[in-house]
Amino acid sequence: MQANVIAAVILVFVLLSAVKVVKEYERAVIFRFGRILPAK
């Protein structure tokens, strides 16, 4: 039972950090393409 709780907590932390990384990456990509492509 204890192991399941620990695994769940770790999984939540991994998912949260993954979401944060994806948002940062998305912002960087949009910033890059905004520079390359003409602004709408």
N, C-alpha and C. Protein backbone atom coordinates (compact mmCIF):
# COMPACT_ATOMS: atom_id res chain seq x y z
N MET A 1 0.84 -1.21 0.00
CA MET A 1 0.00 0.00 0.00
C MET A 1 0.87 1.25 0.00
N GLN A 2 1.89 1.25 0.83
CA GLN A 2 2.78 2.42 0.93
C GLN A 2 3.45 2.70 -0.43
N ALA A 3 3.88 1.64 -1.08
CA ALA A 3 4.56 1.80 -2.37
C ALA A 3 3.63 2.43 -3.40
N ASN A 4 2.37 2.08 -3.38
CA ASN A 4 1.41 2.65 -4.33
C ASN A 4 1.28 4.15 -4.14
N VAL A 5 1.22 4.59 -2.87
CA VAL A 5 1.09 6.02 -2.59
C VAL A 5 2.33 6.76 -3.08
N ILE A 6 3.49 6.21 -2.80
CA ILE A 6 4.75 6.85 -3.23
C ILE A 6 4.81 6.92 -4.76
N ALA A 7 4.43 5.84 -5.42
CA ALA A 7 4.44 5.81 -6.89
C ALA A 7 3.48 6.85 -7.45
N ALA A 8 2.31 6.99 -6.82
CA ALA A 8 1.31 7.96 -7.29
C ALA A 8 1.85 9.38 -7.14
N VAL A 9 2.49 9.66 -6.02
CA VAL A 9 3.05 11.01 -5.78
C VAL A 9 4.13 11.31 -6.82
N ILE A 10 5.00 10.35 -7.07
CA ILE A 10 6.07 10.54 -8.05
C ILE A 10 5.48 10.77 -9.44
N LEU A 11 4.45 10.00 -9.77
CA LEU A 11 3.80 10.13 -11.08
C LEU A 11 3.22 11.53 -11.25
N VAL A 12 2.57 12.04 -10.20
CA VAL A 12 1.99 13.39 -10.26
C VAL A 12 3.09 14.42 -10.49
N PHE A 13 4.20 14.30 -9.75
CA PHE A 13 5.29 15.26 -9.92
C PHE A 13 5.86 15.21 -11.34
N VAL A 14 6.02 14.00 -11.87
CA VAL A 14 6.55 13.85 -13.23
C VAL A 14 5.61 14.49 -14.25
N LEU A 15 4.31 14.24 -14.10
CA LEU A 15 3.34 14.81 -15.04
C LEU A 15 3.35 16.34 -14.96
N LEU A 16 3.39 16.88 -13.75
CA LEU A 16 3.38 18.34 -13.60
C LEU A 16 4.62 18.95 -14.24
N SER A 17 5.78 18.37 -13.99
CA SER A 17 7.01 18.92 -14.58
C SER A 17 6.99 18.76 -16.09
N ALA A 18 6.42 17.67 -16.59
CA ALA A 18 6.34 17.46 -18.04
C ALA A 18 5.46 18.53 -18.68
N VAL A 19 4.33 18.83 -18.04
CA VAL A 19 3.43 19.86 -18.56
C VAL A 19 4.15 21.20 -18.58
N LYS A 20 4.90 21.52 -17.53
CA LYS A 20 5.62 22.78 -17.46
C LYS A 20 6.65 22.87 -18.59
N VAL A 21 7.37 21.78 -18.81
CA VAL A 21 8.39 21.74 -19.86
C VAL A 21 7.75 21.94 -21.23
N VAL A 22 6.63 21.27 -21.47
CA VAL A 22 5.94 21.39 -22.76
C VAL A 22 5.48 22.83 -22.98
N LYS A 23 4.94 23.48 -21.94
CA LYS A 23 4.49 24.87 -22.08
C LYS A 23 5.67 25.79 -22.40
N GLU A 24 6.80 25.59 -21.72
CA GLU A 24 7.99 26.41 -22.00
C GLU A 24 8.45 26.18 -23.44
N TYR A 25 8.48 24.91 -23.86
CA TYR A 25 8.93 24.57 -25.21
C TYR A 25 7.99 25.20 -26.24
N GLU A 26 6.68 25.11 -25.97
CA GLU A 26 5.69 25.67 -26.88
C GLU A 26 5.90 27.18 -27.01
N ARG A 27 6.12 27.85 -25.87
CA ARG A 27 6.34 29.29 -25.89
C ARG A 27 7.59 29.64 -26.69
N ALA A 28 8.64 28.84 -26.51
CA ALA A 28 9.89 29.08 -27.24
C ALA A 28 9.68 28.90 -28.74
N VAL A 29 8.93 27.85 -29.12
CA VAL A 29 8.68 27.59 -30.54
C VAL A 29 7.85 28.73 -31.14
N ILE A 30 6.82 29.16 -30.43
CA ILE A 30 5.98 30.25 -30.92
C ILE A 30 6.82 31.53 -31.06
N PHE A 31 7.68 31.77 -30.06
CA PHE A 31 8.55 32.96 -30.10
C PHE A 31 9.46 32.88 -31.33
N ARG A 32 10.04 31.70 -31.58
CA ARG A 32 10.93 31.51 -32.71
C ARG A 32 10.21 31.76 -34.03
N PHE A 33 9.05 31.08 -34.19
CA PHE A 33 8.31 31.22 -35.46
C PHE A 33 7.77 32.64 -35.61
N GLY A 34 7.46 33.28 -34.49
CA GLY A 34 6.99 34.67 -34.55
C GLY A 34 8.09 35.57 -35.10
N ARG A 35 9.34 35.21 -34.77
CA ARG A 35 10.47 35.98 -35.27
C ARG A 35 10.68 35.71 -36.76
N ILE A 36 10.58 34.43 -37.13
CA ILE A 36 10.87 34.04 -38.52
C ILE A 36 9.74 34.46 -39.46
N LEU A 37 8.51 34.09 -39.08
CA LEU A 37 7.38 34.43 -39.93
C LEU A 37 6.89 35.85 -39.64
N PRO A 38 6.34 36.52 -40.63
CA PRO A 38 5.81 37.86 -40.40
C PRO A 38 4.62 37.81 -39.44
N ALA A 39 4.54 38.79 -38.56
CA ALA A 39 3.45 38.83 -37.59
C ALA A 39 2.13 39.07 -38.29
N LYS A 40 1.08 38.40 -37.81
CA LYS A 40 -0.24 38.56 -38.42
C LYS A 40 -0.91 39.82 -37.89
